[in-house]
Protein backbone atom coordinates (compact mmCIF):
# COMPACT_ATOMS: atom_id res chain seq x y z
CA UNK A 1 0.00 0.00 0.00
CA UNK A 2 2.90 2.35 0.78
CA UNK A 3 4.21 2.08 -2.78
CA UNK A 4 0.82 2.93 -4.24
CA UNK A 5 0.49 5.96 -1.95
CA UNK A 6 3.92 7.11 -3.17
CA UNK A 7 2.77 6.64 -6.77
CA UNK A 8 -0.38 8.67 -6.08
CA UNK A 9 1.63 11.45 -4.42
CA UNK A 10 3.97 11.62 -7.40
CA UNK A 11 1.05 11.69 -9.82
CA UNK A 12 -0.77 14.47 -7.96
CA UNK A 13 2.43 16.54 -7.70
CA UNK A 14 3.12 16.09 -11.41
CA UNK A 15 -0.40 17.17 -12.33
CA UNK A 16 -0.04 20.23 -10.13
CA UNK A 17 3.28 21.07 -11.80
CA UNK A 18 1.65 20.62 -15.19
CA UNK A 19 -1.17 23.00 -14.28
CA UNK A 20 1.19 25.78 -13.15
CA UNK A 21 3.79 25.10 -15.88
CA UNK A 22 6.48 24.17 -13.33
CA UNK A 23 8.81 22.40 -15.76
CA UNK A 24 11.51 21.50 -13.24
CA UNK A 25 8.99 20.09 -10.76
CA UNK A 26 7.42 17.96 -13.50
CA UNK A 27 10.83 16.70 -14.54
CA UNK A 28 11.67 15.69 -10.97
CA UNK A 29 8.44 13.91 -10.07
CA UNK A 30 7.35 12.40 -13.39
CA UNK A 31 9.30 9.13 -12.80
CA UNK A 32 7.85 8.65 -9.30
CA UNK A 33 4.67 6.72 -10.17
CA UNK A 34 6.49 4.15 -12.32
CA UNK A 35 9.32 3.89 -9.79
CA UNK A 36 6.73 3.20 -7.11
CA UNK A 37 5.06 0.55 -9.30
CA UNK A 38 8.44 -1.15 -9.67
CA UNK A 39 8.82 -1.26 -5.89
CA UNK A 40 5.26 -2.52 -5.49
CA UNK A 41 5.77 -5.19 -8.15
CA UNK A 42 8.58 -6.69 -6.08
CA UNK A 43 5.87 -8.00 -3.71
CA UNK A 44 4.14 -9.96 -6.50
CA UNK A 45 4.63 -13.76 -6.72
CA UNK A 46 7.97 -14.56 -8.42
CA UNK A 47 7.49 -15.71 -12.02
CA UNK A 48 8.79 -15.15 -15.54
CA UNK A 49 5.72 -12.97 -16.02
CA UNK A 50 6.72 -10.65 -13.17
CA UNK A 51 10.29 -10.51 -14.46
CA UNK A 52 9.25 -9.34 -17.92
CA UNK A 53 6.72 -6.85 -16.55
CA UNK A 54 9.46 -5.41 -14.33
CA UNK A 55 11.74 -5.02 -17.35
CA UNK A 56 8.94 -3.25 -19.20
CA UNK A 57 8.49 -0.83 -16.32
CA UNK A 58 12.24 -0.13 -16.22
CA UNK A 59 12.31 0.81 -19.90
CA UNK A 60 9.10 2.81 -19.46
CA UNK A 61 10.90 4.73 -16.72
CA UNK A 62 13.76 5.47 -19.14
CA UNK A 63 11.21 6.63 -21.72
CA UNK A 64 9.51 8.86 -19.13
CA UNK A 65 12.78 10.62 -18.37
CA UNK A 66 13.79 11.03 -22.02
CA UNK A 67 10.44 12.53 -22.99
CA UNK A 68 10.45 14.87 -19.98
CA UNK A 69 13.85 16.43 -20.77
CA UNK A 70 13.85 19.87 -22.42
CA UNK A 71 15.66 18.53 -25.49
CA UNK A 72 13.58 16.91 -28.22
CA UNK A 73 14.44 13.26 -27.54
CA UNK A 74 11.18 11.88 -28.92
CA UNK A 75 12.85 9.17 -31.03
CA UNK A 76 14.93 7.94 -28.08
CA UNK A 77 11.88 7.95 -25.82
CA UNK A 78 10.00 6.06 -28.51
CA UNK A 79 12.82 3.49 -28.59
CA UNK A 80 12.68 2.99 -24.82
CA UNK A 81 8.93 2.45 -24.89
CA UNK A 82 9.35 0.11 -27.87
CA UNK A 83 11.52 -2.15 -25.70
CA UNK A 84 8.98 -1.83 -22.87
CA UNK A 85 6.19 -3.08 -25.14
CA UNK A 86 8.35 -5.97 -26.32
CA UNK A 87 8.94 -6.91 -22.67
CA UNK A 88 5.20 -6.82 -21.97
CA UNK A 89 4.65 -8.88 -25.11
CA UNK A 90 7.11 -11.48 -23.82
CA UNK A 91 5.33 -11.52 -20.45
CA UNK A 92 1.97 -12.24 -22.07
CA UNK A 93 3.51 -14.97 -24.22
CA UNK A 94 5.02 -16.59 -21.12
CA UNK A 95 1.64 -17.98 -20.03
CA UNK A 96 -0.51 -17.93 -23.18
CA UNK A 97 0.41 -18.75 -26.79
CA UNK A 98 -2.99 -19.32 -28.42
CA UNK A 99 -3.43 -17.62 -31.79
CA UNK A 100 -6.60 -15.68 -30.81
CA UNK A 101 -7.71 -14.47 -34.25
CA UNK A 102 -10.36 -12.03 -33.00
CA UNK A 103 -7.95 -10.12 -30.71
CA UNK A 104 -5.38 -10.20 -33.53
CA UNK A 105 -7.83 -8.64 -35.98
CA UNK A 106 -8.92 -6.05 -33.41
CA UNK A 107 -5.33 -5.06 -32.57
CA UNK A 108 -4.35 -4.86 -36.25
CA UNK A 109 -7.42 -2.73 -37.00
CA UNK A 110 -6.65 -0.30 -34.19
CA UNK A 111 -3.01 -0.06 -35.27
CA UNK A 112 -3.90 0.37 -38.96
CA UNK A 113 -6.44 3.12 -38.29
CA UNK A 114 -4.08 5.06 -36.04
CA UNK A 115 -1.10 4.69 -38.38
CA UNK A 116 -3.29 5.68 -41.32
CA UNK A 117 -4.31 8.89 -39.57
CA UNK A 118 -0.73 9.73 -38.59
CA UNK A 119 0.78 8.92 -41.98
CA UNK A 120 -1.86 10.94 -43.81
CA UNK A 121 -0.83 13.99 -41.79
CA UNK A 122 2.86 13.52 -42.59
CA UNK A 123 5.49 12.01 -40.30
CA UNK A 124 8.61 13.00 -42.25
CA UNK A 125 11.76 11.28 -40.92
CA UNK A 126 9.73 9.71 -38.11
CA UNK A 127 7.75 7.54 -40.54
CA UNK A 128 9.75 4.31 -40.06
CA UNK A 129 10.20 4.64 -36.25
CA UNK A 130 6.48 5.31 -35.78
CA UNK A 131 5.47 2.37 -38.00
CA UNK A 132 7.80 0.01 -36.09
CA UNK A 133 6.45 1.31 -32.78
CA UNK A 134 2.88 0.95 -34.01
CA UNK A 135 3.48 -2.69 -34.93
CA UNK A 136 5.02 -3.38 -31.52
CA UNK A 137 2.21 -1.83 -29.50
CA UNK A 138 -0.39 -3.58 -31.69
CA UNK A 139 1.33 -6.90 -30.98
CA UNK A 140 1.38 -6.10 -27.26
CA UNK A 141 -2.35 -5.34 -27.34
CA UNK A 142 -3.06 -8.55 -29.26
CA UNK A 143 -1.25 -10.76 -26.76
CA UNK A 144 -2.85 -8.98 -23.77
CA UNK A 145 -6.33 -9.57 -25.22
CA UNK A 146 -5.42 -13.14 -26.21
CA UNK A 147 -5.10 -14.09 -22.52
CA UNK A 148 -8.80 -13.39 -21.91
CA UNK A 149 -10.95 -16.51 -21.62
CA UNK A 150 -8.02 -18.90 -21.22
CA UNK A 151 -6.69 -20.79 -18.21
CA UNK A 152 -4.71 -17.67 -17.25
CA UNK A 153 -6.08 -16.35 -13.92
CA UNK A 154 -9.09 -14.21 -14.85
CA UNK A 155 -8.08 -11.21 -12.75
CA UNK A 156 -4.61 -11.15 -14.28
CA UNK A 157 -6.02 -11.36 -17.81
CA UNK A 158 -8.56 -8.58 -17.20
CA UNK A 159 -6.05 -6.23 -15.57
CA UNK A 160 -3.45 -6.76 -18.29
CA UNK A 161 -6.00 -6.28 -21.06
CA UNK A 162 -7.37 -3.09 -19.48
CA UNK A 163 -3.83 -1.84 -18.93
CA UNK A 164 -2.87 -2.54 -22.54
CA UNK A 165 -5.97 -0.75 -23.85
CA UNK A 166 -5.24 2.30 -21.66
CA UNK A 167 -1.60 2.32 -22.83
CA UNK A 168 -2.64 2.17 -26.50
CA UNK A 169 -5.14 4.97 -25.89
CA UNK A 170 -2.44 7.11 -24.26
CA UNK A 171 -0.03 6.57 -27.15
CA UNK A 172 -2.80 7.29 -29.65
CA UNK A 173 -3.48 10.64 -28.01
CA UNK A 174 0.26 11.41 -28.11
CA UNK A 175 0.29 10.76 -31.85
CA UNK A 176 -2.82 12.81 -32.52
CA UNK A 177 -1.66 15.69 -30.33
CA UNK A 178 1.84 15.76 -31.87
CA UNK A 179 1.13 15.08 -35.52
CA UNK A 180 -2.55 15.77 -36.22
CA UNK A 181 -4.34 18.25 -33.95
CA UNK A 182 -2.85 19.57 -30.69
CA UNK A 183 -5.37 20.24 -27.93
CA UNK A 184 -5.08 21.80 -24.50
CA UNK A 185 -6.16 18.81 -22.39
CA UNK A 186 -3.84 16.37 -24.18
CA UNK A 187 -1.04 16.31 -21.53
CA UNK A 188 -3.55 15.39 -18.82
CA UNK A 189 -5.33 12.75 -20.90
CA UNK A 190 -2.00 11.24 -21.98
CA UNK A 191 -0.41 10.96 -18.55
CA UNK A 192 -3.52 9.78 -16.68
CA UNK A 193 -4.31 7.02 -19.18
CA UNK A 194 -0.62 6.08 -19.25
CA UNK A 195 -0.42 5.71 -15.48
CA UNK A 196 -3.68 3.73 -15.39
CA UNK A 197 -2.30 1.46 -18.09
CA UNK A 198 0.96 0.86 -16.25
CA UNK A 199 -0.91 0.19 -13.01
CA UNK A 200 -3.16 -2.38 -14.71
CA UNK A 201 -0.21 -4.15 -16.30
CA UNK A 202 1.75 -4.20 -13.03
CA UNK A 203 -1.29 -5.30 -11.00
CA UNK A 204 -1.84 -8.23 -13.35
CA UNK A 205 1.34 -9.84 -11.95
CA UNK A 206 -0.25 -10.13 -8.49
CA UNK A 207 -2.89 -12.54 -9.79
CA UNK A 208 -0.26 -14.84 -11.30
CA UNK A 209 0.54 -18.20 -9.75
CA UNK A 210 4.13 -18.38 -8.49
CA UNK A 211 6.46 -20.60 -10.50
């Protein structure tokens, strides 16, 4: 519970900093929620699943820092989150390998629509990195949804699926805000859905059976 309180404190402080345009404060506290989730995750039952989720959170933390720095390190942040999604993908594959055609079609459709919107508005030199990232996050979503209705513990499957959906939503808003149509509430929508997604993914490890 202490870790989750720390995560909440960091989140509230970041949102306050965002509202008053306190750049330094935001830079200092932005990593706190994911750091706290990493500490909390240590209490989950040991398993390959927990190990890969932890790795995903570590690379997410790196991405958080890179995207928060004043320099435009978007591509490097994108790379860090790409590795995070691959780690989550590996976690989901560690306990479920069924093909799951319906989730596959859904994930591909979501990815295709989003990439279509972004590409039509021009990505320039970011075209290839964004396409690669889009494929990775679509694969992560597919494997998270594929665990639903299997012998994977129901709570774990639901939390991971909800977390993956929230993460995809957050990244979609980033793409739309950056490349299509910026809007004032975007930073709040992005960070809140991102934190909810990371919490769901991390919480899914607590419903796993120890191995």
